[in-house]
């Protein structure tokens, strides 16, 4: 363990930020050549090496090696070795004192804070070549001798429970035998544990949390996003052992620690609403997201609520209508001719099923007239259209987790083209086709912002502040325009394409969508290709005092959004109000 540093030594320590636990072997930075310059003390180079190490800047560390050392180990292998050692030792942060030595050798007193093995005070031994630091295995961790390597034993505490908002247990038990007392419908939120994917090599993230290679760990949902939080603090012993002839889990002890369990993780999930969402989706491909309309919290997730991108179809008209009212391209008094198609993007854009569509702005929205909204997107212009979409959450990762959780889950990002990137597809973007891609979670968030007087909120899934996203509330549009779009959405359910979304518990405001995603390979009676279509419905209820915002998406649906997705949304909202 080494002697504790004196007060004087501690005062000389240079504080450094924590090493990243996730992707430690993949960090890259701008490279600065810092090989020993004529006249520079070698100990300064040794200290700089450790400072780069504390920052995870392995590329800059590699550039400090002597030419001969770089001939013996590639940059890729060098970075991998440090990533593996950092994970093996569960390094959290590094501090160092002033180096001592001469032109050949230096020692740097180091204090390494680890997750599993306590704080380790040991010197790092550095040897210099003619033009830089000489690579040797002992550089991988302080306290290692020339022909030693790290090994360890670890012990994990009991894995934390995952709780619903009312305290009921959604998941519990050891990592290799999790149970779900409220039923399998909770798994759509909690996710599962299991063996890590070893296709790309060692799972350094799990290794850094105290897991052994191949051991079950969180692999989806909350079990993955908050794996570290659910794992608690591991314990065990870190050893230095001979490279040749050493035994796993044996050697010279460097540090040790005792495991400590984490407290249960409380979520924002309503278990009854979660069960309803899964049951009403009915096992079909698609997704459901339900949000607290006033707080943004996730209340239920089913299926691929945030993991699969699809064109949102006419639910995108919530965004287009907002932008049109913002720019004055349309007003609530605007009216349009009754037609089956209209020019946009240099071609004719048809209404669904070739229907005649038009009338007032409210009627055009309620009946979902492509012949109105595709040309309207062009009138709005690319800058304002993309700006409005981005304020609603497009071109931004879902705001569910903190940075660590987001990195672990790595969800797809809903997209619209950048303002300077439209290529004869601005019109179809306005009706949710082309390169527009969304998820049920995002479109539920769009509905939430409209219900919340034009303010978009993050959509956290836990009440623990340090596990929530850093996003602040975003003013998307004025309260007046949000109210106008809400009125348009009420008309969809009272007199438009969303009649099937109506419920007795309160007035629903919503927007249907039917997205064409490609040919099915089949030909209809008219000789035309039958298209694969996804059904969408997004909305909120009650419209006068919103409590829940929702989006339902059914892939490869048997009908349009009004006949397939809207009834599912109605059933879930009815259960939740």
Protein backbone atom coordinates (compact mmCIF):
# COMPACT_ATOMS: atom_id res chain seq x y z
CA UNK A 1 0.00 0.00 0.00
CA UNK A 2 2.97 2.38 0.63
CA UNK A 3 3.27 5.13 3.22
CA UNK A 4 0.66 7.91 3.36
CA UNK A 5 1.89 11.16 1.80
CA UNK A 6 2.94 13.94 4.16
CA UNK A 7 1.01 17.21 4.38
CA UNK A 8 3.82 18.91 2.45
CA UNK A 9 3.65 16.30 -0.28
CA UNK A 10 -0.13 16.67 -0.53
CA UNK A 11 0.20 20.41 -0.90
CA UNK A 12 2.52 19.83 -3.85
CA UNK A 13 0.12 17.42 -5.54
CA UNK A 14 -1.27 18.42 -8.89
CA UNK A 15 -4.99 17.71 -8.96
CA UNK A 16 -6.20 15.92 -12.09
CA UNK A 17 -9.64 15.05 -13.34
CA UNK A 18 -11.09 11.57 -13.21
CA UNK A 19 -10.28 9.02 -15.86
CA UNK A 20 -13.29 8.10 -18.03
CA UNK A 21 -14.68 4.66 -17.22
CA UNK A 22 -16.59 4.17 -20.48
CA UNK A 23 -14.51 3.67 -23.60
CA UNK A 24 -11.22 4.30 -21.77
CA UNK A 25 -9.26 2.73 -24.59
CA UNK A 26 -10.85 4.88 -27.24
CA UNK A 27 -10.00 8.38 -26.00
CA UNK A 28 -8.20 10.55 -28.54
CA UNK A 29 -6.96 14.09 -28.32
CA UNK A 30 -4.95 16.61 -30.30
CA UNK A 31 -1.39 15.33 -30.26
CA UNK A 32 1.43 17.49 -28.93
CA UNK A 33 4.97 16.26 -29.31
CA UNK A 34 6.55 16.47 -25.88
CA UNK A 35 9.63 14.27 -26.10
CA UNK A 36 12.43 15.55 -23.89
CA UNK A 37 13.58 18.88 -25.28
CA UNK A 38 17.22 19.92 -24.85
CA UNK A 39 17.61 21.50 -21.44
CA UNK A 40 14.26 20.23 -20.08
CA UNK A 41 14.54 18.15 -16.89
CA UNK A 42 13.53 14.56 -17.49
CA UNK A 43 11.40 14.63 -14.39
CA UNK A 44 9.22 17.28 -16.03
CA UNK A 45 8.65 14.89 -18.92
CA UNK A 46 7.77 12.13 -16.46
CA UNK A 47 5.24 14.38 -14.73
CA UNK A 48 3.75 15.41 -18.08
CA UNK A 49 3.38 11.72 -18.96
CA UNK A 50 1.34 11.14 -15.80
CA UNK A 51 -0.77 14.25 -16.40
CA UNK A 52 -1.67 12.98 -19.87
CA UNK A 53 -2.47 9.63 -18.28
CA UNK A 54 -4.83 11.23 -15.76
CA UNK A 55 -6.65 12.92 -18.65
CA UNK A 56 -6.93 9.66 -20.60
CA UNK A 57 -4.79 11.21 -23.35
CA UNK A 58 -3.04 8.01 -24.39
CA UNK A 59 -2.10 9.37 -27.80
CA UNK A 60 -0.02 12.15 -26.27
CA UNK A 61 1.54 9.63 -23.88
CA UNK A 62 2.55 7.46 -26.81
CA UNK A 63 4.21 10.42 -28.50
CA UNK A 64 6.46 10.80 -25.45
CA UNK A 65 7.96 7.34 -25.99
CA UNK A 66 11.41 7.00 -27.48
CA UNK A 67 11.72 6.12 -31.14
CA UNK A 68 13.01 2.68 -30.22
CA UNK A 69 10.02 2.08 -27.94
CA UNK A 70 7.56 3.12 -30.65
CA UNK A 71 9.19 0.59 -32.96
CA UNK A 72 8.45 -2.09 -30.36
CA UNK A 73 4.80 -1.27 -29.60
CA UNK A 74 2.21 0.24 -31.92
CA UNK A 75 0.07 3.18 -30.87
CA UNK A 76 -3.05 1.00 -31.10
CA UNK A 77 -1.57 -1.66 -28.83
CA UNK A 78 -0.24 0.96 -26.42
CA UNK A 79 -3.68 2.54 -26.05
CA UNK A 80 -5.29 -0.88 -25.62
CA UNK A 81 -2.81 -1.84 -22.88
CA UNK A 82 -3.57 1.29 -20.87
CA UNK A 83 -7.30 0.89 -21.36
CA UNK A 84 -7.12 -2.69 -20.12
CA UNK A 85 -4.95 -1.75 -17.12
CA UNK A 86 -7.23 1.13 -16.18
CA UNK A 87 -10.26 -1.16 -16.27
CA UNK A 88 -8.45 -3.95 -14.41
CA UNK A 89 -7.51 -1.55 -11.62
CA UNK A 90 -10.94 0.21 -11.70
CA UNK A 91 -9.14 3.58 -11.77
CA UNK A 92 -11.26 6.60 -10.89
CA UNK A 93 -8.68 9.38 -10.67
CA UNK A 94 -4.97 10.03 -10.40
CA UNK A 95 -2.88 12.53 -8.45
CA UNK A 96 0.90 12.85 -8.43
CA UNK A 97 3.68 14.64 -6.60
CA UNK A 98 6.94 15.99 -7.96
CA UNK A 99 9.14 13.47 -9.72
CA UNK A 100 12.63 12.71 -8.49
CA UNK A 101 15.47 11.26 -10.51
CA UNK A 102 18.21 11.86 -13.04
CA UNK A 103 18.64 11.72 -16.82
CA UNK A 104 18.20 7.95 -16.83
CA UNK A 105 15.48 7.15 -14.30
CA UNK A 106 12.73 8.92 -12.41
CA UNK A 107 10.15 8.01 -9.80
CA UNK A 108 6.83 9.82 -9.47
CA UNK A 109 4.87 9.40 -6.22
CA UNK A 110 1.27 8.67 -7.26
CA UNK A 111 -2.06 8.39 -5.51
CA UNK A 112 -4.55 6.34 -7.53
CA UNK A 113 -8.16 6.27 -6.42
CA UNK A 114 -9.84 3.03 -7.49
CA UNK A 115 -13.44 1.89 -7.34
CA UNK A 116 -12.77 -1.58 -5.93
CA UNK A 117 -9.38 -1.48 -4.21
CA UNK A 118 -9.28 1.77 -2.29
CA UNK A 119 -6.62 4.45 -2.74
CA UNK A 120 -3.22 3.13 -3.80
CA UNK A 121 -0.06 5.13 -2.98
CA UNK A 122 2.85 3.84 -5.05
CA UNK A 123 5.61 5.34 -7.20
CA UNK A 124 5.67 5.04 -10.97
CA UNK A 125 9.12 4.12 -12.24
CA UNK A 126 10.13 5.79 -15.50
CA UNK A 127 13.22 5.02 -17.56
CA UNK A 128 14.44 7.34 -20.33
CA UNK A 129 15.90 6.47 -23.70
CA UNK A 130 17.95 8.76 -25.89
CA UNK A 131 14.95 10.68 -27.21
CA UNK A 132 12.04 9.89 -24.93
CA UNK A 133 10.55 7.57 -22.34
CA UNK A 134 11.48 3.90 -22.63
CA UNK A 135 8.43 1.64 -22.82
CA UNK A 136 8.20 -1.10 -20.23
CA UNK A 137 5.33 -2.99 -18.66
CA UNK A 138 5.82 -1.30 -15.28
CA UNK A 139 4.57 1.98 -16.80
CA UNK A 140 1.04 0.56 -16.79
CA UNK A 141 0.47 1.09 -13.07
CA UNK A 142 2.36 2.60 -10.14
CA UNK A 143 4.02 -0.01 -7.96
CA UNK A 144 4.70 -2.48 -10.76
CA UNK A 145 8.24 -3.74 -11.18
CA UNK A 146 9.84 -4.29 -14.58
CA UNK A 147 8.53 -7.83 -15.14
CA UNK A 148 5.21 -7.59 -13.31
CA UNK A 149 1.60 -7.17 -14.40
CA UNK A 150 -1.73 -6.56 -12.70
CA UNK A 151 -4.14 -9.25 -11.56
CA UNK A 152 -7.06 -9.10 -9.17
CA UNK A 153 -9.84 -10.78 -7.30
CA UNK A 154 -13.18 -8.98 -7.11
CA UNK A 155 -16.43 -9.38 -5.25
CA UNK A 156 -19.63 -7.62 -6.27
CA UNK A 157 -22.26 -6.52 -3.75
CA UNK A 158 -25.90 -7.47 -4.23
CA UNK A 159 -27.38 -5.69 -7.25
CA UNK A 160 -29.80 -2.88 -6.44
CA UNK A 161 -33.54 -3.15 -6.99
CA UNK A 162 -35.33 -1.08 -9.63
CA UNK A 163 -38.50 0.53 -8.28
CA UNK A 164 -41.58 2.03 -9.89
CA UNK A 165 -42.67 5.54 -8.91
CA UNK A 166 -44.88 4.12 -6.14
CA UNK A 167 -42.07 2.01 -4.70
CA UNK A 168 -43.17 -1.33 -6.12
CA UNK A 169 -40.30 -3.56 -7.23
CA UNK A 170 -39.85 -3.81 -10.99
CA UNK A 171 -36.59 -5.80 -10.92
CA UNK A 172 -34.60 -7.45 -8.16
CA UNK A 173 -32.16 -10.25 -7.43
CA UNK A 174 -28.56 -11.07 -8.32
CA UNK A 175 -27.15 -9.96 -11.65
CA UNK A 176 -27.33 -13.47 -13.08
CA UNK A 177 -30.89 -14.17 -11.89
CA UNK A 178 -32.98 -11.00 -12.03
CA UNK A 179 -36.69 -11.31 -11.33
CA UNK A 180 -39.61 -9.02 -12.20
CA UNK A 181 -42.32 -9.26 -9.51
CA UNK A 182 -44.75 -7.02 -11.43
CA UNK A 183 -44.50 -9.13 -14.56
CA UNK A 184 -42.62 -9.19 -17.82
CA UNK A 185 -44.17 -5.93 -19.03
CA UNK A 186 -41.65 -4.14 -16.80
CA UNK A 187 -38.76 -5.56 -18.85
CA UNK A 188 -39.47 -3.06 -21.64
CA UNK A 189 -38.22 -0.44 -19.18
CA UNK A 190 -35.82 -2.27 -16.88
CA UNK A 191 -34.10 -4.18 -19.65
CA UNK A 192 -32.18 -7.33 -18.83
CA UNK A 193 -28.82 -8.60 -17.66
CA UNK A 194 -26.72 -11.18 -19.43
CA UNK A 195 -23.28 -11.94 -20.87
CA UNK A 196 -21.63 -8.91 -22.51
CA UNK A 197 -21.06 -8.89 -26.24
CA UNK A 198 -17.45 -10.04 -26.58
CA UNK A 199 -17.33 -9.63 -30.35
CA UNK A 200 -15.24 -6.46 -30.11
CA UNK A 201 -12.92 -7.76 -27.41
CA UNK A 202 -13.01 -7.37 -23.62
CA UNK A 203 -15.91 -5.44 -22.12
CA UNK A 204 -13.77 -2.79 -20.45
CA UNK A 205 -16.77 -0.90 -19.12
CA UNK A 206 -17.96 -3.89 -17.07
CA UNK A 207 -14.38 -4.80 -16.12
CA UNK A 208 -13.95 -1.28 -14.71
CA UNK A 209 -17.03 -1.83 -12.51
CA UNK A 210 -15.55 -4.96 -10.94
CA UNK A 211 -17.10 -7.58 -13.22
CA UNK A 212 -14.98 -10.45 -14.44
CA UNK A 213 -14.67 -11.16 -18.19
CA UNK A 214 -17.84 -12.83 -19.48
CA UNK A 215 -19.76 -12.29 -16.25
CA UNK A 216 -23.41 -11.26 -16.58
CA UNK A 217 -23.91 -7.50 -16.56
CA UNK A 218 -26.55 -4.98 -17.63
CA UNK A 219 -27.09 -5.29 -21.38
CA UNK A 220 -30.28 -3.32 -22.12
CA UNK A 221 -32.71 -0.78 -20.69
CA UNK A 222 -32.08 0.63 -17.23
CA UNK A 223 -29.91 -2.36 -16.39
CA UNK A 224 -27.49 -1.08 -19.05
CA UNK A 225 -27.94 2.69 -18.71
CA UNK A 226 -27.43 2.69 -14.95
CA UNK A 227 -25.29 -0.42 -14.65
CA UNK A 228 -22.73 1.32 -12.45
CA UNK A 229 -25.42 2.72 -10.16
CA UNK A 230 -27.13 -0.67 -9.82
CA UNK A 231 -23.84 -2.52 -9.31
CA UNK A 232 -22.82 -0.55 -6.25
CA UNK A 233 -19.20 -0.46 -5.09
CA UNK A 234 -17.22 -3.64 -5.78
CA UNK A 235 -14.49 -4.92 -3.48
CA UNK A 236 -11.51 -7.20 -3.80
CA UNK A 237 -7.73 -7.18 -3.95
CA UNK A 238 -5.37 -5.84 -6.61
CA UNK A 239 -2.05 -7.65 -7.02
CA UNK A 240 1.23 -7.28 -8.87
CA UNK A 241 2.33 -10.68 -10.15
CA UNK A 242 5.24 -11.93 -12.28
CA UNK A 243 4.46 -11.85 -16.00
CA UNK A 244 6.00 -15.28 -16.40
CA UNK A 245 4.61 -17.95 -14.11
CA UNK A 246 2.22 -15.72 -12.20
CA UNK A 247 -1.16 -16.97 -10.97
CA UNK A 248 -4.45 -15.14 -11.38
CA UNK A 249 -5.54 -13.50 -8.14
CA UNK A 250 -2.18 -13.98 -6.43
CA UNK A 251 0.96 -11.90 -6.00
CA UNK A 252 2.15 -8.83 -4.18
CA UNK A 253 -0.83 -6.90 -2.82
CA UNK A 254 -1.23 -3.32 -4.05
CA UNK A 255 -4.62 -2.48 -2.58
CA UNK A 256 -7.91 -3.90 -1.33
CA UNK A 257 -11.48 -2.84 -0.67
CA UNK A 258 -14.80 -4.06 0.70
CA UNK A 259 -17.95 -4.25 -1.47
CA UNK A 260 -20.87 -1.96 -0.64
CA UNK A 261 -24.36 -2.30 -2.16
CA UNK A 262 -26.22 0.58 -3.80
CA UNK A 263 -29.63 1.77 -2.67
CA UNK A 264 -32.64 0.90 -4.87
CA UNK A 265 -33.06 2.91 -8.08
CA UNK A 266 -36.41 4.71 -8.12
CA UNK A 267 -37.93 5.41 -11.53
CA UNK A 268 -40.78 7.61 -12.75
CA UNK A 269 -42.65 4.63 -14.20
CA UNK A 270 -46.35 4.13 -13.41
CA UNK A 271 -46.59 0.32 -13.24
CA UNK A 272 -50.27 0.18 -14.23
CA UNK A 273 -49.67 2.46 -17.20
CA UNK A 274 -46.60 0.43 -18.15
CA UNK A 275 -48.63 -2.77 -18.13
CA UNK A 276 -51.31 -1.07 -20.23
CA UNK A 277 -48.80 0.20 -22.79
CA UNK A 278 -47.24 -3.23 -23.30
CA UNK A 279 -50.60 -5.02 -23.36
CA UNK A 280 -52.20 -2.62 -25.83
CA UNK A 281 -49.21 -2.63 -28.17
CA UNK A 282 -49.95 -6.33 -28.22
CA UNK A 283 -46.56 -7.69 -29.16
CA UNK A 284 -46.51 -6.10 -32.61
CA UNK A 285 -43.40 -4.34 -33.89
CA UNK A 286 -43.48 -0.71 -32.88
CA UNK A 287 -43.28 1.40 -29.77
CA UNK A 288 -45.18 3.41 -27.19
CA UNK A 289 -43.99 6.30 -25.04
CA UNK A 290 -46.10 7.97 -22.36
CA UNK A 291 -44.94 11.15 -20.59
CA UNK A 292 -46.11 13.29 -17.72
CA UNK A 293 -47.39 16.28 -19.68
CA UNK A 294 -46.38 18.83 -17.04
CA UNK A 295 -43.10 17.39 -15.77
CA UNK A 296 -41.81 15.50 -18.80
CA UNK A 297 -41.11 12.34 -16.78
CA UNK A 298 -41.43 9.04 -18.60
CA UNK A 299 -44.46 7.14 -17.30
CA UNK A 300 -44.33 4.12 -19.62
CA UNK A 301 -42.27 2.69 -22.48
CA UNK A 302 -43.17 -0.28 -24.65
CA UNK A 303 -41.44 -1.90 -27.58
CA UNK A 304 -38.95 0.19 -29.53
CA UNK A 305 -39.93 3.50 -27.94
CA UNK A 306 -36.53 5.11 -28.50
CA UNK A 307 -34.37 2.48 -30.20
CA UNK A 308 -35.66 2.48 -33.80
CA UNK A 309 -35.90 5.44 -36.16
CA UNK A 310 -38.76 5.66 -38.65
CA UNK A 311 -40.36 8.43 -40.73
CA UNK A 312 -43.05 9.91 -38.43
CA UNK A 313 -45.48 10.58 -41.27
CA UNK A 314 -48.12 13.22 -40.66
CA UNK A 315 -47.42 13.49 -36.93
CA UNK A 316 -44.66 15.77 -38.25
CA UNK A 317 -47.39 18.24 -39.17
CA UNK A 318 -47.39 19.29 -35.50
CA UNK A 319 -43.92 20.69 -36.19
CA UNK A 320 -44.85 22.11 -39.60
CA UNK A 321 -47.95 23.82 -38.22
CA UNK A 322 -45.88 25.41 -35.45
CA UNK A 323 -43.32 26.73 -37.93
CA UNK A 324 -46.06 27.98 -40.28
CA UNK A 325 -47.77 29.94 -37.52
CA UNK A 326 -44.41 31.26 -36.28
CA UNK A 327 -43.46 32.62 -39.72
CA UNK A 328 -46.92 33.76 -40.75
CA UNK A 329 -46.86 31.30 -43.65
CA UNK A 330 -50.27 30.30 -42.32
CA UNK A 331 -52.77 31.66 -39.84
CA UNK A 332 -55.80 30.14 -38.19
CA UNK A 333 -57.85 32.02 -40.82
CA UNK A 334 -55.98 30.61 -43.82
CA UNK A 335 -57.95 28.54 -46.32
CA UNK A 336 -56.94 26.22 -49.15
CA UNK A 337 -58.50 24.82 -52.29
CA UNK A 338 -59.89 21.30 -52.36
CA UNK A 339 -57.47 19.22 -54.45
CA UNK A 340 -56.04 15.70 -54.59
CA UNK A 341 -52.44 16.82 -55.05
CA UNK A 342 -50.22 19.90 -55.07
CA UNK A 343 -46.72 20.78 -56.32
CA UNK A 344 -43.77 20.63 -53.92
CA UNK A 345 -40.13 19.62 -54.32
CA UNK A 346 -40.51 19.88 -58.09
CA UNK A 347 -43.18 17.18 -58.27
CA UNK A 348 -46.79 16.55 -57.37
CA UNK A 349 -47.45 15.46 -53.78
CA UNK A 350 -50.64 13.46 -53.40
CA UNK A 351 -53.04 13.21 -50.52
CA UNK A 352 -53.49 9.81 -48.91
CA UNK A 353 -55.49 7.51 -51.17
CA UNK A 354 -55.87 10.36 -53.66
CA UNK A 355 -58.48 12.03 -51.46
CA UNK A 356 -59.78 15.52 -52.14
CA UNK A 357 -58.57 17.68 -49.27
CA UNK A 358 -58.56 21.36 -48.32
CA UNK A 359 -60.64 24.00 -46.55
CA UNK A 360 -59.60 26.03 -43.52
CA UNK A 361 -56.22 25.59 -41.86
CA UNK A 362 -57.96 23.67 -39.08
CA UNK A 363 -59.71 21.39 -41.57
CA UNK A 364 -56.51 20.82 -43.52
CA UNK A 365 -54.73 19.76 -40.32
CA UNK A 366 -57.63 17.65 -39.06
CA UNK A 367 -57.92 15.82 -42.39
CA UNK A 368 -54.10 15.68 -42.76
CA UNK A 369 -53.87 17.30 -46.21
CA UNK A 370 -50.48 16.62 -47.77
CA UNK A 371 -51.53 19.01 -50.53
CA UNK A 372 -51.47 21.81 -47.95
CA UNK A 373 -48.55 20.92 -45.69
CA UNK A 374 -45.93 19.93 -48.26
CA UNK A 375 -46.13 23.30 -50.10
CA UNK A 376 -46.39 25.00 -46.70
CA UNK A 377 -43.02 23.57 -45.65
CA UNK A 378 -41.47 25.17 -48.72
CA UNK A 379 -43.06 28.51 -47.82
CA UNK A 380 -41.70 28.25 -44.29
CA UNK A 381 -38.20 27.75 -45.68
CA UNK A 382 -35.40 25.40 -44.65
CA UNK A 383 -33.94 27.58 -41.89
CA UNK A 384 -37.14 28.04 -39.93
CA UNK A 385 -38.37 24.51 -40.54
CA UNK A 386 -35.15 22.93 -39.27
CA UNK A 387 -34.91 25.42 -36.39
CA UNK A 388 -38.42 24.56 -35.19
CA UNK A 389 -37.79 20.82 -35.52
CA UNK A 390 -34.56 21.11 -33.54
CA UNK A 391 -36.27 23.10 -30.79
CA UNK A 392 -38.71 20.20 -30.50
CA UNK A 393 -35.81 17.75 -30.15
CA UNK A 394 -34.72 16.63 -33.60
CA UNK A 395 -30.97 16.31 -34.26
CA UNK A 396 -30.45 15.72 -30.53
CA UNK A 397 -30.10 12.48 -28.55
CA UNK A 398 -33.09 11.56 -26.37
CA UNK A 399 -32.96 13.38 -23.05
CA UNK A 400 -33.59 10.43 -20.75
CA UNK A 401 -30.30 9.66 -18.98
CA UNK A 402 -27.21 11.41 -17.70
CA UNK A 403 -24.10 11.44 -19.91
CA UNK A 404 -22.90 8.05 -18.68
CA UNK A 405 -26.27 6.46 -19.31
CA UNK A 406 -26.56 8.05 -22.74
CA UNK A 407 -23.11 6.77 -23.68
CA UNK A 408 -23.96 3.27 -22.49
CA UNK A 409 -27.30 3.05 -24.32
CA UNK A 410 -26.07 4.93 -27.42
CA UNK A 411 -29.58 5.40 -28.87
CA UNK A 412 -30.17 6.56 -32.45
CA UNK A 413 -30.65 10.30 -32.91
CA UNK A 414 -33.89 11.53 -34.55
CA UNK A 415 -33.03 13.68 -37.54
CA UNK A 416 -34.17 16.31 -39.99
CA UNK A 417 -31.84 17.66 -42.67
CA UNK A 418 -29.71 20.65 -41.77
CA UNK A 419 -30.99 23.91 -43.23
CA UNK A 420 -28.38 23.88 -46.03
CA UNK A 421 -28.77 20.17 -46.77
CA UNK A 422 -32.24 19.91 -48.31
CA UNK A 423 -32.20 18.38 -51.77
CA UNK A 424 -35.68 18.74 -53.23
CA UNK A 425 -37.14 17.19 -50.08
CA UNK A 426 -38.23 20.11 -47.91
CA UNK A 427 -41.87 19.58 -48.88
CA UNK A 428 -41.90 15.88 -48.01
CA UNK A 429 -40.03 16.68 -44.79
CA UNK A 430 -43.02 18.82 -43.82
CA UNK A 431 -45.25 15.74 -43.98
CA UNK A 432 -42.80 13.49 -42.13
CA UNK A 433 -41.32 11.63 -45.06
CA UNK A 434 -37.98 11.75 -46.87
CA UNK A 435 -35.03 11.95 -44.53
CA UNK A 436 -37.04 12.85 -41.43
CA UNK A 437 -36.54 10.14 -38.81
CA UNK A 438 -38.15 9.99 -35.38
CA UNK A 439 -39.09 7.73 -32.48
CA UNK A 440 -42.26 7.42 -30.42
CA UNK A 441 -40.42 9.02 -27.50
CA UNK A 442 -39.56 12.11 -29.53
CA UNK A 443 -43.05 12.55 -30.99
CA UNK A 444 -44.55 12.13 -27.51
CA UNK A 445 -42.16 14.88 -26.43
CA UNK A 446 -43.39 17.10 -29.28
CA UNK A 447 -46.96 16.60 -28.05
CA UNK A 448 -45.81 17.29 -24.48
CA UNK A 449 -44.27 20.63 -25.49
CA UNK A 450 -47.51 21.71 -27.19
CA UNK A 451 -49.53 20.68 -24.14
CA UNK A 452 -47.09 22.58 -21.89
CA UNK A 453 -47.72 25.99 -23.48
CA UNK A 454 -44.84 25.64 -25.91
CA UNK A 455 -42.13 24.55 -23.47
CA UNK A 456 -40.28 21.30 -24.17
CA UNK A 457 -38.97 19.44 -21.13
CA UNK A 458 -36.34 16.74 -20.71
CA UNK A 459 -37.81 13.26 -20.35
CA UNK A 460 -35.97 11.65 -17.42
CA UNK A 461 -36.84 8.17 -16.23
CA UNK A 462 -35.61 8.57 -12.64
CA UNK A 463 -36.04 11.20 -9.95
CA UNK A 464 -32.36 11.00 -8.96
CA UNK A 465 -30.88 14.33 -10.07
CA UNK A 466 -27.39 13.02 -10.85
CA UNK A 467 -28.85 10.37 -13.18
CA UNK A 468 -31.01 12.82 -15.13
CA UNK A 469 -30.08 14.59 -18.38
CA UNK A 470 -28.57 18.06 -18.11
CA UNK A 471 -31.03 19.59 -20.59
CA UNK A 472 -32.97 22.61 -19.36
CA UNK A 473 -36.55 23.43 -20.46
CA UNK A 474 -36.68 24.84 -24.00
CA UNK A 475 -39.16 27.44 -25.20
CA UNK A 476 -40.17 26.05 -28.61
CA UNK A 477 -42.90 28.53 -29.41
CA UNK A 478 -45.14 31.07 -27.76
CA UNK A 479 -48.01 30.10 -25.50
CA UNK A 480 -50.41 31.55 -28.09
CA UNK A 481 -49.10 29.43 -30.96
CA UNK A 482 -48.90 26.32 -28.76
CA UNK A 483 -52.56 26.88 -27.88
CA UNK A 484 -53.44 27.23 -31.56
CA UNK A 485 -51.65 23.99 -32.46
CA UNK A 486 -53.42 22.29 -29.55
CA UNK A 487 -56.74 23.45 -31.00
CA UNK A 488 -55.74 21.94 -34.35
CA UNK A 489 -55.00 18.67 -32.58
CA UNK A 490 -58.37 18.66 -30.85
CA UNK A 491 -60.01 18.98 -34.26
CA UNK A 492 -58.15 15.85 -35.42
CA UNK A 493 -59.93 13.81 -32.73
CA UNK A 494 -63.34 15.51 -32.93
CA UNK A 495 -63.76 15.81 -36.69
CA UNK A 496 -60.69 14.50 -38.48
CA UNK A 497 -58.56 11.40 -38.95
CA UNK A 498 -58.24 10.65 -35.22
CA UNK A 499 -61.82 9.91 -34.23
CA UNK A 500 -60.75 6.55 -32.79
CA UNK A 501 -58.58 8.31 -30.20
CA UNK A 502 -61.59 9.74 -28.36
CA UNK A 503 -62.13 8.57 -24.77
CA UNK A 504 -64.82 9.28 -22.15
CA UNK A 505 -62.29 10.36 -19.50
CA UNK A 506 -61.46 13.63 -21.27
CA UNK A 507 -60.88 15.37 -24.59
CA UNK A 508 -57.87 14.02 -26.47
CA UNK A 509 -55.76 16.29 -28.69
CA UNK A 510 -53.68 14.45 -31.24
CA UNK A 511 -52.29 13.92 -34.69
CA UNK A 512 -52.40 10.79 -36.79
CA UNK A 513 -49.66 9.73 -39.15
CA UNK A 514 -49.18 7.12 -41.84
CA UNK A 515 -45.62 6.84 -43.11
CA UNK A 516 -44.66 5.14 -46.35
CA UNK A 517 -41.42 3.27 -45.75
CA UNK A 518 -40.96 1.31 -48.98
CA UNK A 519 -42.45 -1.26 -51.36
CA UNK A 520 -43.75 -4.50 -49.90
CA UNK A 521 -42.90 -6.51 -52.98
CA UNK A 522 -46.58 -7.11 -53.64
CA UNK A 523 -48.80 -5.58 -56.34
CA UNK A 524 -52.35 -4.39 -55.74
CA UNK A 525 -55.44 -4.88 -57.95
CA UNK A 526 -54.65 -1.62 -59.74
CA UNK A 527 -51.21 -2.90 -60.73
CA UNK A 528 -49.45 -0.49 -58.38
CA UNK A 529 -46.86 -1.58 -55.81
CA UNK A 530 -48.32 -2.08 -52.34
CA UNK A 531 -46.31 0.04 -49.91
CA UNK A 532 -45.26 -0.86 -46.39
CA UNK A 533 -46.82 1.71 -44.09
CA UNK A 534 -46.27 2.52 -40.44
CA UNK A 535 -49.14 3.84 -38.31
CA UNK A 536 -48.59 6.71 -35.87
CA UNK A 537 -50.58 8.68 -33.32
CA UNK A 538 -49.21 11.39 -31.03
CA UNK A 539 -51.20 13.52 -28.62
CA UNK A 540 -52.12 14.46 -25.08
CA UNK A 541 -55.10 14.44 -22.73
CA UNK A 542 -57.15 15.97 -21.30
CA UNK A 543 -56.77 18.87 -23.70
CA UNK A 544 -57.87 21.50 -21.16
CA UNK A 545 -55.70 20.25 -18.26
CA UNK A 546 -53.07 17.96 -19.80
CA UNK A 547 -51.83 15.09 -17.67
CA UNK A 548 -50.37 12.62 -20.16
CA UNK A 549 -48.63 12.94 -23.53
CA UNK A 550 -48.35 9.86 -25.72
CA UNK A 551 -47.11 8.50 -29.00
CA UNK A 552 -47.87 5.12 -30.54
CA UNK A 553 -46.08 3.68 -33.57
CA UNK A 554 -46.98 0.39 -35.26
CA UNK A 555 -44.58 -0.87 -37.91
CA UNK A 556 -45.83 -2.52 -41.10
CA UNK A 557 -49.37 -1.76 -39.99
CA UNK A 558 -52.56 -3.24 -41.35
CA UNK A 559 -54.09 0.24 -41.67
CA UNK A 560 -53.38 3.93 -41.22
CA UNK A 561 -52.63 5.88 -38.07
CA UNK A 562 -56.26 6.70 -37.42
CA UNK A 563 -57.44 3.09 -37.52
CA UNK A 564 -54.41 1.30 -36.00
CA UNK A 565 -52.40 3.61 -33.73
CA UNK A 566 -55.16 5.93 -32.48
CA UNK A 567 -57.22 3.16 -30.78
CA UNK A 568 -54.11 1.91 -28.99
CA UNK A 569 -53.39 5.41 -27.72
CA UNK A 570 -57.01 5.78 -26.61
CA UNK A 571 -56.90 2.58 -24.57
CA UNK A 572 -53.67 3.57 -22.82
CA UNK A 573 -54.84 7.12 -22.10
CA UNK A 574 -58.14 5.79 -20.78
CA UNK A 575 -56.26 3.53 -18.38
CA UNK A 576 -54.02 6.39 -17.27
CA UNK A 577 -56.62 9.08 -16.61
